[in-house]
Amino acid sequence: MPLLEVKGLKIYYFTLRGVVKAVDNVSFTLEKGESLAIVGESGSGKSTLGYGLIRLVPPPGRIVEGEIILDGTDLTKLPESRIRREIRWKRISMVFQGALNALNPVKRVGDQIVDAILAHESVTKKEALQRAMELLKAVGIDPRRVNNYPHEFSGGMKQRVVIAMALALNPDIVIADEPTTALDVVVQAQILNLLKKLKQERKMSIILITHDLSLVAELADKVAIMYGGKLVEIGSSDDIYTDPKHPYTKGLMASIPRLGGKKELYWIPGNPPDLRSPPPGCRFHPRCPYAMDICRVKEPPYYNIKGVSVACWLFEEKKSGG
């Protein structure tokens, strides 16, 4: 039985200009100790999916359908009081996008970690402070800096502090939403290596949300490609990187610059769909070089191709020998 199973999840934003189908019928599983990267362009619904998993979708958004099953319990059926007391931060925590601005500038970083611990556990402030120091050490920060303020840290160190806060209650799953945004490439590598190290040491599961496929090659065991509110391909990291199947995944892979590469970089023409009125059929068909008549009218099912699940009518053609 997987640690986390998401079935047919739909998260919509009910705005004055229409209903935005940000996450539309998404399903996947996550095993204990496994890392899953969710990759897609801005506006594909990645962050909304992350918020949905911890029941923090901002209004006017809400979960309208589907199940989020953690260890056999459907989180969509639990009252908010139980989610706050038993699930959020204790079982599933999140490193939010724009984490560099998530810290309170007038509070010491140690106090901010202590507050998270005291809000969920019955421990003394002294015990919580000791744990905060241990957490800082675990993410590579000198524990003596527990009394420093956020402005005394570099961008990469602030990101480490936020990761330490996410680890404060030893969650089973950590969702990292664009954890390397606004960091230079050297610090990006340090943060990803830190997540990899923590995953191995703590046997925790990670959901990494990013728009950059090149970032997740080493960290992710499994990769899910998201487009227009839907997962279009999901499989092992090796399969996705060595033999991408969906035309969108192929386009993303071809757009990654390679050292010494002589091939001209590929770019995907057009723009992501307006999720208030997504195109009928396959949502990628207006930008797809392989689009067929059926793609424009009927949504593709998922085909299992050598362990990779891909939503594309091309594989119906191949099955029929076309």
C-alpha atoms as a PDB file:
ATOM      1  CA  MET A   1       0.000   0.000   0.000  1.00  0.00           C
ATOM      2  CA  PRO A   2       1.498   3.380  -1.008  1.00  0.00           C
ATOM      3  CA  LEU A   3       2.103   6.066   1.607  1.00  0.00           C
ATOM      4  CA  LEU A   4       0.089   8.594  -0.426  1.00  0.00           C
ATOM      5  CA  GLU A   5      -2.479   7.901  -3.118  1.00  0.00           C
ATOM      6  CA  VAL A   6      -4.198  10.709  -5.024  1.00  0.00           C
ATOM      7  CA  LYS A   7      -7.280   9.696  -7.014  1.00  0.00           C
ATOM      8  CA  GLY A   8      -9.141  11.883  -9.510  1.00  0.00           C
ATOM      9  CA  LEU A   9      -8.275  15.121  -7.698  1.00  0.00           C
ATOM     10  CA  LYS A  10      -9.976  18.269  -8.990  1.00  0.00           C
ATOM     11  CA  ILE A  11      -9.190  21.716  -7.582  1.00  0.00           C
ATOM     12  CA  TYR A  12     -11.024  24.667  -9.140  1.00  0.00           C
ATOM     13  CA  TYR A  13     -10.899  28.430  -8.540  1.00  0.00           C
ATOM     14  CA  PHE A  14     -14.364  29.986  -8.673  1.00  0.00           C
ATOM     15  CA  THR A  15     -13.620  33.524  -9.896  1.00  0.00           C
ATOM     16  CA  LEU A  16     -15.865  36.285 -11.203  1.00  0.00           C
ATOM     17  CA  ARG A  17     -14.402  35.691 -14.666  1.00  0.00           C
ATOM     18  CA  GLY A  18     -15.153  31.974 -14.676  1.00  0.00           C
ATOM     19  CA  VAL A  19     -14.130  28.658 -13.153  1.00  0.00           C
ATOM     20  CA  VAL A  20     -10.385  27.989 -13.415  1.00  0.00           C
ATOM     21  CA  LYS A  21      -9.742  24.232 -13.609  1.00  0.00           C
ATOM     22  CA  ALA A  22      -6.274  24.420 -12.069  1.00  0.00           C
ATOM     23  CA  VAL A  23      -6.030  20.714 -11.193  1.00  0.00           C
ATOM     24  CA  ASP A  24      -8.334  18.526 -13.239  1.00  0.00           C
ATOM     25  CA  ASN A  25      -8.623  14.797 -12.547  1.00  0.00           C
ATOM     26  CA  VAL A  26      -5.057  14.145 -11.313  1.00  0.00           C
ATOM     27  CA  SER A  27      -4.034  10.729  -9.936  1.00  0.00           C
ATOM     28  CA  PHE A  28      -0.684   9.394  -8.706  1.00  0.00           C
ATOM     29  CA  THR A  29       0.926   7.426  -5.881  1.00  0.00           C
ATOM     30  CA  LEU A  30       3.929   8.054  -3.638  1.00  0.00           C
ATOM     31  CA  GLU A  31       5.767   5.322  -1.750  1.00  0.00           C
ATOM     32  CA  LYS A  32       7.514   5.772   1.603  1.00  0.00           C
ATOM     33  CA  GLY A  33      11.031   7.138   1.041  1.00  0.00           C
ATOM     34  CA  GLU A  34      10.316   7.930  -2.615  1.00  0.00           C
ATOM     35  CA  SER A  35      10.893  11.297  -4.306  1.00  0.00           C
ATOM     36  CA  LEU A  36       8.491  12.549  -6.968  1.00  0.00           C
ATOM     37  CA  ALA A  37       9.152  15.596  -9.155  1.00  0.00           C
ATOM     38  CA  ILE A  38       6.119  17.385 -10.610  1.00  0.00           C
ATOM     39  CA  VAL A  39       7.304  19.387 -13.624  1.00  0.00           C
ATOM     40  CA  GLY A  40       5.511  21.830 -15.905  1.00  0.00           C
ATOM     41  CA  GLU A  41       5.280  25.404 -17.143  1.00  0.00           C
ATOM     42  CA  SER A  42       4.039  28.270 -14.987  1.00  0.00           C
ATOM     43  CA  GLY A  43       0.265  28.081 -14.706  1.00  0.00           C
ATOM     44  CA  SER A  44       0.089  24.308 -15.185  1.00  0.00           C
ATOM     45  CA  GLY A  45      -1.396  23.749 -11.699  1.00  0.00           C
ATOM     46  CA  LYS A  46       1.709  22.398  -9.924  1.00  0.00           C
ATOM     47  CA  SER A  47       1.603  24.693  -6.893  1.00  0.00           C
ATOM     48  CA  THR A  48      -2.176  24.351  -6.548  1.00  0.00           C
ATOM     49  CA  LEU A  49      -1.699  20.580  -6.444  1.00  0.00           C
ATOM     50  CA  GLY A  50       0.864  21.007  -3.640  1.00  0.00           C
ATOM     51  CA  TYR A  51      -1.480  23.271  -1.658  1.00  0.00           C
ATOM     52  CA  GLY A  52      -4.295  20.789  -2.182  1.00  0.00           C
ATOM     53  CA  LEU A  53      -2.313  17.937  -0.635  1.00  0.00           C
ATOM     54  CA  ILE A  54      -2.124  19.830   2.689  1.00  0.00           C
ATOM     55  CA  ARG A  55      -5.627  21.339   2.332  1.00  0.00           C
ATOM     56  CA  LEU A  56      -4.338  24.895   2.024  1.00  0.00           C
ATOM     57  CA  VAL A  57      -5.848  25.913  -1.326  1.00  0.00           C
ATOM     58  CA  PRO A  58      -6.324  29.705  -1.116  1.00  0.00           C
ATOM     59  CA  PRO A  59      -9.822  31.087  -1.763  1.00  0.00           C
ATOM     60  CA  PRO A  60     -11.665  31.257  -4.115  1.00  0.00           C
ATOM     61  CA  GLY A  61     -10.189  27.801  -4.786  1.00  0.00           C
ATOM     62  CA  ARG A  62     -11.440  24.546  -3.339  1.00  0.00           C
ATOM     63  CA  ILE A  63     -11.194  20.797  -3.790  1.00  0.00           C
ATOM     64  CA  VAL A  64     -14.330  19.827  -5.716  1.00  0.00           C
ATOM     65  CA  GLU A  65     -13.716  16.116  -6.268  1.00  0.00           C
ATOM     66  CA  GLY A  66     -11.273  13.286  -5.662  1.00  0.00           C
ATOM     67  CA  GLU A  67      -9.404  11.620  -2.821  1.00  0.00           C
ATOM     68  CA  ILE A  68      -6.082  12.262  -1.060  1.00  0.00           C
ATOM     69  CA  ILE A  69      -5.387   9.034   0.826  1.00  0.00           C
ATOM     70  CA  LEU A  70      -2.570   9.111   3.377  1.00  0.00           C
ATOM     71  CA  ASP A  71      -1.928   5.753   5.057  1.00  0.00           C
ATOM     72  CA  GLY A  72      -5.507   4.668   4.314  1.00  0.00           C
ATOM     73  CA  THR A  73      -7.164   7.915   5.502  1.00  0.00           C
ATOM     74  CA  ASP A  74      -8.877  10.214   2.977  1.00  0.00           C
ATOM     75  CA  LEU A  75      -7.730  13.736   3.894  1.00  0.00           C
ATOM     76  CA  THR A  76     -10.533  15.369   1.896  1.00  0.00           C
ATOM     77  CA  LYS A  77     -13.062  13.935   4.375  1.00  0.00           C
ATOM     78  CA  LEU A  78     -11.336  15.163   7.567  1.00  0.00           C
ATOM     79  CA  PRO A  79     -12.437  18.373   9.339  1.00  0.00           C
ATOM     80  CA  GLU A  80      -9.992  21.277   9.271  1.00  0.00           C
ATOM     81  CA  SER A  81      -9.325  20.899  13.011  1.00  0.00           C
ATOM     82  CA  ARG A  82      -7.949  17.364  12.505  1.00  0.00           C
ATOM     83  CA  ILE A  83      -5.940  18.388   9.449  1.00  0.00           C
ATOM     84  CA  ARG A  84      -4.307  21.189  11.468  1.00  0.00           C
ATOM     85  CA  ARG A  85      -3.725  19.016  14.540  1.00  0.00           C
ATOM     86  CA  GLU A  86      -2.736  15.666  13.005  1.00  0.00           C
ATOM     87  CA  ILE A  87      -1.705  16.083   9.365  1.00  0.00           C
ATOM     88  CA  ARG A  88      -0.357  19.490   8.410  1.00  0.00           C
ATOM     89  CA  TRP A  89       3.323  19.810   9.390  1.00  0.00           C
ATOM     90  CA  LYS A  90       3.221  16.545  11.414  1.00  0.00           C
ATOM     91  CA  ARG A  91       2.625  14.160   8.481  1.00  0.00           C
ATOM     92  CA  ILE A  92       2.942  16.450   5.435  1.00  0.00           C
ATOM     93  CA  SER A  93       4.869  19.745   5.450  1.00  0.00           C
ATOM     94  CA  MET A  94       5.638  22.247   2.716  1.00  0.00           C
ATOM     95  CA  VAL A  95       8.485  24.527   1.690  1.00  0.00           C
ATOM     96  CA  PHE A  96       6.498  27.269  -0.008  1.00  0.00           C
ATOM     97  CA  GLN A  97       7.401  29.005  -3.243  1.00  0.00           C
ATOM     98  CA  GLY A  98       9.126  32.320  -2.492  1.00  0.00           C
ATOM     99  CA  ALA A  99      10.446  30.916   0.768  1.00  0.00           C
ATOM    100  CA  LEU A 100      13.031  33.704   0.967  1.00  0.00           C
ATOM    101  CA  ASN A 101      10.157  36.004   1.956  1.00  0.00           C
ATOM    102  CA  ALA A 102       8.474  33.462   4.261  1.00  0.00           C
ATOM    103  CA  LEU A 103      10.532  34.315   7.341  1.00  0.00           C
ATOM    104  CA  ASN A 104       9.381  37.030   9.751  1.00  0.00           C
ATOM    105  CA  PRO A 105      12.094  39.722   9.494  1.00  0.00           C
ATOM    106  CA  VAL A 106      11.683  40.880  13.125  1.00  0.00           C
ATOM    107  CA  LYS A 107      11.894  37.458  14.797  1.00  0.00           C
ATOM    108  CA  ARG A 108      14.986  35.340  15.357  1.00  0.00           C
ATOM    109  CA  VAL A 109      15.063  32.253  13.129  1.00  0.00           C
ATOM    110  CA  GLY A 110      15.272  29.978  16.179  1.00  0.00           C
ATOM    111  CA  ASP A 111      12.089  31.475  17.620  1.00  0.00           C
ATOM    112  CA  GLN A 112      10.283  30.898  14.340  1.00  0.00           C
ATOM    113  CA  ILE A 113      11.213  27.211  14.348  1.00  0.00           C
ATOM    114  CA  VAL A 114      10.313  26.976  18.059  1.00  0.00           C
ATOM    115  CA  ASP A 115       6.873  28.479  17.366  1.00  0.00           C
ATOM    116  CA  ALA A 116       6.164  25.743  14.792  1.00  0.00           C
ATOM    117  CA  ILE A 117       7.137  23.027  17.284  1.00  0.00           C
ATOM    118  CA  LEU A 118       5.189  24.502  20.224  1.00  0.00           C
ATOM    119  CA  ALA A 119       2.059  24.918  18.082  1.00  0.00           C
ATOM    120  CA  HIS A 120       1.876  21.154  17.532  1.00  0.00           C
ATOM    121  CA  GLU A 121       3.644  19.426  20.421  1.00  0.00           C
ATOM    122  CA  SER A 122       3.565  19.587  24.223  1.00  0.00           C
ATOM    123  CA  VAL A 123       7.232  20.293  24.910  1.00  0.00           C
ATOM    124  CA  THR A 124       9.008  23.021  26.872  1.00  0.00           C
ATOM    125  CA  LYS A 125      10.441  26.037  25.104  1.00  0.00           C
ATOM    126  CA  LYS A 126      13.937  24.896  26.117  1.00  0.00           C
ATOM    127  CA  GLU A 127      13.387  21.482  24.495  1.00  0.00           C
ATOM    128  CA  ALA A 128      11.976  23.120  21.363  1.00  0.00           C
ATOM    129  CA  LEU A 129      14.988  25.455  21.150  1.00  0.00           C
ATOM    130  CA  GLN A 130      17.349  22.483  21.420  1.00  0.00           C
ATOM    131  CA  ARG A 131      15.494  20.801  18.572  1.00  0.00           C
ATOM    132  CA  ALA A 132      15.704  24.003  16.540  1.00  0.00           C
ATOM    133  CA  MET A 133      19.493  23.993  16.960  1.00  0.00           C
ATOM    134  CA  GLU A 134      19.654  20.337  15.892  1.00  0.00           C
ATOM    135  CA  LEU A 135      17.523  21.126  12.835  1.00  0.00           C
ATOM    136  CA  LEU A 136      19.791  24.002  11.822  1.00  0.00           C
ATOM    137  CA  LYS A 137      22.780  21.683  12.130  1.00  0.00           C
ATOM    138  CA  ALA A 138      20.992  19.079   9.998  1.00  0.00           C
ATOM    139  CA  VAL A 139      20.595  21.575   7.144  1.00  0.00           C
ATOM    140  CA  GLY A 140      24.200  22.737   7.347  1.00  0.00           C
ATOM    141  CA  ILE A 141      23.899  25.894   9.476  1.00  0.00           C
ATOM    142  CA  ASP A 142      25.963  26.505  12.607  1.00  0.00           C
ATOM    143  CA  PRO A 143      23.456  25.948  15.475  1.00  0.00           C
ATOM    144  CA  ARG A 144      24.936  28.937  17.309  1.00  0.00           C
ATOM    145  CA  ARG A 145      23.189  31.123  14.732  1.00  0.00           C
ATOM    146  CA  VAL A 146      19.823  30.176  16.227  1.00  0.00           C
ATOM    147  CA  ASN A 147      19.557  33.735  17.633  1.00  0.00           C
ATOM    148  CA  ASN A 148      20.284  35.483  14.337  1.00  0.00           C
ATOM    149  CA  TYR A 149      17.652  37.398  12.378  1.00  0.00           C
ATOM    150  CA  PRO A 150      16.733  36.518   8.756  1.00  0.00           C
ATOM    151  CA  HIS A 151      18.573  39.549   7.314  1.00  0.00           C
ATOM    152  CA  GLU A 152      21.827  38.112   8.694  1.00  0.00           C
ATOM    153  CA  PHE A 153      21.578  35.097   6.358  1.00  0.00           C
ATOM    154  CA  SER A 154      22.272  34.787   2.640  1.00  0.00           C
ATOM    155  CA  GLY A 155      19.511  33.671   0.256  1.00  0.00           C
ATOM    156  CA  GLY A 156      20.697  30.065   0.254  1.00  0.00           C
ATOM    157  CA  MET A 157      20.924  29.990   4.068  1.00  0.00           C
ATOM    158  CA  LYS A 158      17.395  31.418   4.404  1.00  0.00           C
ATOM    159  CA  GLN A 159      16.209  28.601   2.176  1.00  0.00           C
ATOM    160  CA  ARG A 160      17.949  26.109   4.478  1.00  0.00           C
ATOM    161  CA  VAL A 161      16.198  27.674   7.495  1.00  0.00           C
ATOM    162  CA  VAL A 162      12.807  27.251   5.809  1.00  0.00           C
ATOM    163  CA  ILE A 163      13.652  23.606   5.030  1.00  0.00           C
ATOM    164  CA  ALA A 164      14.597  23.167   8.708  1.00  0.00           C
ATOM    165  CA  MET A 165      11.163  24.535   9.688  1.00  0.00           C
ATOM    166  CA  ALA A 166       9.495  22.040   7.334  1.00  0.00           C
ATOM    167  CA  LEU A 167      11.401  19.226   9.058  1.00  0.00           C
ATOM    168  CA  ALA A 168      10.593  20.421  12.588  1.00  0.00           C
ATOM    169  CA  LEU A 169       7.948  17.756  13.287  1.00  0.00           C
ATOM    170  CA  ASN A 170       9.588  14.871  11.384  1.00  0.00           C
ATOM    171  CA  PRO A 171       6.934  14.644   8.640  1.00  0.00           C
ATOM    172  CA  ASP A 172       6.556  11.616   6.375  1.00  0.00           C
ATOM    173  CA  ILE A 173       6.283  13.838   3.275  1.00  0.00           C
ATOM    174  CA  VAL A 174       7.897  17.181   2.461  1.00  0.00           C
ATOM    175  CA  ILE A 175       6.516  19.179  -0.479  1.00  0.00           C
ATOM    176  CA  ALA A 176       9.159  21.553  -1.874  1.00  0.00           C
ATOM    177  CA  ASP A 177       7.557  24.140  -4.178  1.00  0.00           C
ATOM    178  CA  GLU A 178      10.244  25.668  -6.437  1.00  0.00           C
ATOM    179  CA  PRO A 179      12.832  25.526  -3.596  1.00  0.00           C
ATOM    180  CA  THR A 180      15.654  26.931  -5.770  1.00  0.00           C
ATOM    181  CA  THR A 181      13.837  29.933  -7.256  1.00  0.00           C
ATOM    182  CA  ALA A 182      15.914  33.167  -7.132  1.00  0.00           C
ATOM    183  CA  LEU A 183      19.073  31.278  -6.137  1.00  0.00           C
ATOM    184  CA  ASP A 184      22.238  31.108  -8.244  1.00  0.00           C
ATOM    185  CA  VAL A 185      23.209  27.786  -9.834  1.00  0.00           C
ATOM    186  CA  VAL A 186      25.827  26.903  -7.199  1.00  0.00           C
ATOM    187  CA  VAL A 187      23.346  27.387  -4.339  1.00  0.00           C
ATOM    188  CA  GLN A 188      20.650  25.547  -6.328  1.00  0.00           C
ATOM    189  CA  ALA A 189      22.922  22.501  -6.434  1.00  0.00           C
ATOM    190  CA  GLN A 190      23.612  22.805  -2.687  1.00  0.00           C
ATOM    191  CA  ILE A 191      19.877  22.913  -1.846  1.00  0.00           C
ATOM    192  CA  LEU A 192      19.099  19.921  -4.059  1.00  0.00           C
ATOM    193  CA  ASN A 193      22.000  17.959  -2.572  1.00  0.00           C
ATOM    194  CA  LEU A 194      20.708  18.859   0.900  1.00  0.00           C
ATOM    195  CA  LEU A 195      17.232  17.522   0.047  1.00  0.00           C
ATOM    196  CA  LYS A 196      18.797  14.351  -1.333  1.00  0.00           C
ATOM    197  CA  LYS A 197      20.874  13.892   1.849  1.00  0.00           C
ATOM    198  CA  LEU A 198      17.876  14.496   4.129  1.00  0.00           C
ATOM    199  CA  LYS A 199      15.767  12.033   2.136  1.00  0.00           C
ATOM    200  CA  GLN A 200      18.387   9.310   2.595  1.00  0.00           C
ATOM    201  CA  GLU A 201      19.028  10.036   6.280  1.00  0.00           C
ATOM    202  CA  ARG A 202      15.429  10.490   7.384  1.00  0.00           C
ATOM    203  CA  LYS A 203      13.784   8.014   4.969  1.00  0.00           C
ATOM    204  CA  MET A 204      11.211  10.677   4.133  1.00  0.00           C
ATOM    205  CA  SER A 205       9.276  11.127   0.895  1.00  0.00           C
ATOM    206  CA  ILE A 206       9.700  14.299  -1.150  1.00  0.00           C
ATOM    207  CA  ILE A 207       7.415  15.938  -3.698  1.00  0.00           C
ATOM    208  CA  LEU A 208       9.500  18.460  -5.633  1.00  0.00           C
ATOM    209  CA  ILE A 209       7.532  21.000  -7.663  1.00  0.00           C
ATOM    210  CA  THR A 210       9.533  22.747 -10.386  1.00  0.00           C
ATOM    211  CA  HIS A 211       9.396  24.082 -13.937  1.00  0.00           C
ATOM    212  CA  ASP A 212      12.952  22.936 -14.677  1.00  0.00           C
ATOM    213  CA  LEU A 213      13.488  19.305 -15.690  1.00  0.00           C
ATOM    214  CA  SER A 214      17.255  19.736 -15.605  1.00  0.00           C
ATOM    215  CA  LEU A 215      17.170  20.330 -11.826  1.00  0.00           C
ATOM    216  CA  VAL A 216      15.634  17.039 -10.775  1.00  0.00           C
ATOM    217  CA  ALA A 217      17.639  14.385 -12.627  1.00  0.00           C
ATOM    218  CA  GLU A 218      19.527  13.205  -9.549  1.00  0.00           C
ATOM    219  CA  LEU A 219      16.961  13.818  -6.814  1.00  0.00           C
ATOM    220  CA  ALA A 220      13.759  12.350  -8.279  1.00  0.00           C
ATOM    221  CA  ASP A 221      12.959   8.641  -8.339  1.00  0.00           C
ATOM    222  CA  LYS A 222       9.811   9.365 -10.317  1.00  0.00           C
ATOM    223  CA  VAL A 223       8.818  12.296 -12.558  1.00  0.00           C
ATOM    224  CA  ALA A 224       5.298  13.512 -13.358  1.00  0.00           C
ATOM    225  CA  ILE A 225       4.826  15.971 -16.222  1.00  0.00           C
ATOM    226  CA  MET A 226       1.923  18.402 -15.757  1.00  0.00           C
ATOM    227  CA  TYR A 227       0.269  20.463 -18.484  1.00  0.00           C
ATOM    228  CA  GLY A 228      -2.920  22.488 -18.374  1.00  0.00           C
ATOM    229  CA  GLY A 229      -4.028  21.102 -15.013  1.00  0.00           C
ATOM    230  CA  LYS A 230      -3.461  17.463 -15.974  1.00  0.00           C
ATOM    231  CA  LEU A 231      -0.671  14.905 -15.632  1.00  0.00           C
ATOM    232  CA  VAL A 232       0.307  13.946 -19.185  1.00  0.00           C
ATOM    233  CA  GLU A 233       3.140  11.529 -18.352  1.00  0.00           C
ATOM    234  CA  ILE A 234       4.460   9.838 -15.240  1.00  0.00           C
ATOM    235  CA  GLY A 235       7.254   7.305 -14.875  1.00  0.00           C
ATOM    236  CA  SER A 236      10.651   6.624 -13.385  1.00  0.00           C
ATOM    237  CA  SER A 237      13.264   9.355 -13.673  1.00  0.00           C
ATOM    238  CA  ASP A 238      15.427   7.133 -15.916  1.00  0.00           C
ATOM    239  CA  ASP A 239      12.541   6.441 -18.311  1.00  0.00           C
ATOM    240  CA  ILE A 240      11.473  10.077 -18.547  1.00  0.00           C
ATOM    241  CA  TYR A 241      15.005  11.347 -19.178  1.00  0.00           C
ATOM    242  CA  THR A 242      16.205   8.639 -21.566  1.00  0.00           C
ATOM    243  CA  ASP A 243      12.994   7.966 -23.504  1.00  0.00           C
ATOM    244  CA  PRO A 244      10.307  10.667 -23.062  1.00  0.00           C
ATOM    245  CA  LYS A 245       7.034   9.647 -24.669  1.00  0.00           C
ATOM    246  CA  HIS A 246       4.551  12.536 -24.617  1.00  0.00           C
ATOM    247  CA  PRO A 247       5.212  15.296 -27.213  1.00  0.00           C
ATOM    248  CA  TYR A 248       5.170  17.890 -24.416  1.00  0.00           C
ATOM    249  CA  THR A 249       7.770  15.967 -22.404  1.00  0.00           C
ATOM    250  CA  LYS A 250       9.912  15.642 -25.533  1.00  0.00           C
ATOM    251  CA  GLY A 251       9.694  19.407 -26.033  1.00  0.00           C
ATOM    252  CA  LEU A 252      10.741  20.081 -22.431  1.00  0.00           C
ATOM    253  CA  MET A 253      13.687  17.693 -22.730  1.00  0.00           C
ATOM    254  CA  ALA A 254      14.803  19.223 -26.039  1.00  0.00           C
ATOM    255  CA  SER A 255      14.798  22.693 -24.466  1.00  0.00           C
ATOM    256  CA  ILE A 256      17.453  21.784 -21.855  1.00  0.00           C
ATOM    257  CA  PRO A 257      20.888  23.189 -22.809  1.00  0.00           C
ATOM    258  CA  ARG A 258      23.707  20.639 -22.733  1.00  0.00           C
ATOM    259  CA  LEU A 259      27.427  21.221 -22.275  1.00  0.00           C
ATOM    260  CA  GLY A 260      29.212  20.816 -25.582  1.00  0.00           C
ATOM    261  CA  GLY A 261      25.928  20.281 -27.362  1.00  0.00           C
ATOM    262  CA  LYS A 262      25.833  21.441 -30.964  1.00  0.00           C
ATOM    263  CA  LYS A 263      22.109  20.964 -31.451  1.00  0.00           C
ATOM    264  CA  GLU A 264      20.017  24.125 -31.605  1.00  0.00           C
ATOM    265  CA  LEU A 265      17.760  24.474 -28.558  1.00  0.00           C
ATOM    266  CA  TYR A 266      14.119  23.604 -29.143  1.00  0.00           C
ATOM    267  CA  TRP A 267      11.237  25.759 -27.951  1.00  0.00           C
ATOM    268  CA  ILE A 268       7.562  24.874 -27.749  1.00  0.00           C
ATOM    269  CA  PRO A 269       5.526  27.341 -29.846  1.00  0.00           C
ATOM    270  CA  GLY A 270       2.315  28.897 -28.525  1.00  0.00           C
ATOM    271  CA  ASN A 271       1.127  29.495 -24.978  1.00  0.00           C
ATOM    272  CA  PRO A 272      -0.323  27.336 -22.195  1.00  0.00           C
ATOM    273  CA  PRO A 273      -4.132  27.065 -22.287  1.00  0.00           C
ATOM    274  CA  ASP A 274      -6.535  29.377 -20.467  1.00  0.00           C
ATOM    275  CA  LEU A 275      -7.809  27.047 -17.750  1.00  0.00           C
ATOM    276  CA  ARG A 276     -11.155  28.870 -17.603  1.00  0.00           C
ATOM    277  CA  SER A 277     -11.946  27.456 -21.052  1.00  0.00           C
ATOM    278  CA  PRO A 278      -9.359  24.778 -21.876  1.00  0.00           C
ATOM    279  CA  PRO A 279      -9.353  23.392 -25.427  1.00  0.00           C
ATOM    280  CA  PRO A 280     -11.453  20.275 -26.021  1.00  0.00           C
ATOM    281  CA  GLY A 281      -9.759  16.914 -26.354  1.00  0.00           C
ATOM    282  CA  CYS A 282      -6.064  16.851 -25.481  1.00  0.00           C
ATOM    283  CA  ARG A 283      -5.147  20.175 -23.896  1.00  0.00           C
ATOM    284  CA  PHE A 284      -1.765  20.160 -25.631  1.00  0.00           C
ATOM    285  CA  HIS A 285      -3.139  19.707 -29.158  1.00  0.00           C
ATOM    286  CA  PRO A 286      -2.981  23.430 -30.190  1.00  0.00           C
ATOM    287  CA  ARG A 287       0.811  23.328 -29.647  1.00  0.00           C
ATOM    288  CA  CYS A 288       1.499  19.716 -30.635  1.00  0.00           C
ATOM    289  CA  PRO A 289       3.340  18.962 -33.908  1.00  0.00           C
ATOM    290  CA  TYR A 290       1.740  15.479 -33.994  1.00  0.00           C
ATOM    291  CA  ALA A 291      -1.891  16.521 -33.367  1.00  0.00           C
ATOM    292  CA  MET A 292      -4.524  14.383 -35.122  1.00  0.00           C
ATOM    293  CA  ASP A 293      -8.267  14.906 -35.584  1.00  0.00           C
ATOM    294  CA  ILE A 294      -9.123  12.789 -32.520  1.00  0.00           C
ATOM    295  CA  CYS A 295      -6.795  14.917 -30.341  1.00  0.00           C
ATOM    296  CA  ARG A 296      -9.007  17.945 -31.003  1.00  0.00           C
ATOM    297  CA  VAL A 297     -12.249  16.349 -29.838  1.00  0.00           C
ATOM    298  CA  LYS A 298     -11.560  13.535 -27.381  1.00  0.00           C
ATOM    299  CA  GLU A 299      -9.432  13.488 -24.252  1.00  0.00           C
ATOM    300  CA  PRO A 300      -6.801  10.723 -24.430  1.00  0.00           C
ATOM    301  CA  PRO A 301      -6.776   7.872 -21.895  1.00  0.00           C
ATOM    302  CA  TYR A 302      -3.581   6.780 -20.136  1.00  0.00           C
ATOM    303  CA  TYR A 303      -1.496   4.135 -21.879  1.00  0.00           C
ATOM    304  CA  ASN A 304       1.038   2.065 -19.969  1.00  0.00           C
ATOM    305  CA  ILE A 305       4.161   1.899 -22.126  1.00  0.00           C
ATOM    306  CA  LYS A 306       6.934  -0.138 -20.458  1.00  0.00           C
ATOM    307  CA  GLY A 307       6.019   1.157 -16.997  1.00  0.00           C
ATOM    308  CA  VAL A 308       5.431   4.769 -18.098  1.00  0.00           C
ATOM    309  CA  SER A 309       1.879   6.119 -17.988  1.00  0.00           C
ATOM    310  CA  VAL A 310       1.265   8.563 -20.850  1.00  0.00           C
ATOM    311  CA  ALA A 311      -1.909  10.349 -21.999  1.00  0.00           C
ATOM    312  CA  CYS A 312      -1.497  10.604 -25.768  1.00  0.00           C
ATOM    313  CA  TRP A 313      -3.510   9.301 -28.733  1.00  0.00           C
ATOM    314  CA  LEU A 314      -0.280   8.517 -30.605  1.00  0.00           C
ATOM    315  CA  PHE A 315      -0.025   5.329 -28.560  1.00  0.00           C
ATOM    316  CA  GLU A 316      -3.482   4.196 -29.670  1.00  0.00           C
ATOM    317  CA  GLU A 317      -2.181   4.506 -33.232  1.00  0.00           C
ATOM    318  CA  LYS A 318       0.888   2.441 -32.371  1.00  0.00           C
ATOM    319  CA  LYS A 319      -1.249  -0.217 -30.655  1.00  0.00           C
ATOM    320  CA  SER A 320      -3.346  -0.498 -33.807  1.00  0.00           C
ATOM    321  CA  GLY A 321      -0.217  -0.673 -35.978  1.00  0.00           C
ATOM    322  CA  GLY A 322      -0.857   2.762 -37.481  1.00  0.00           C
END
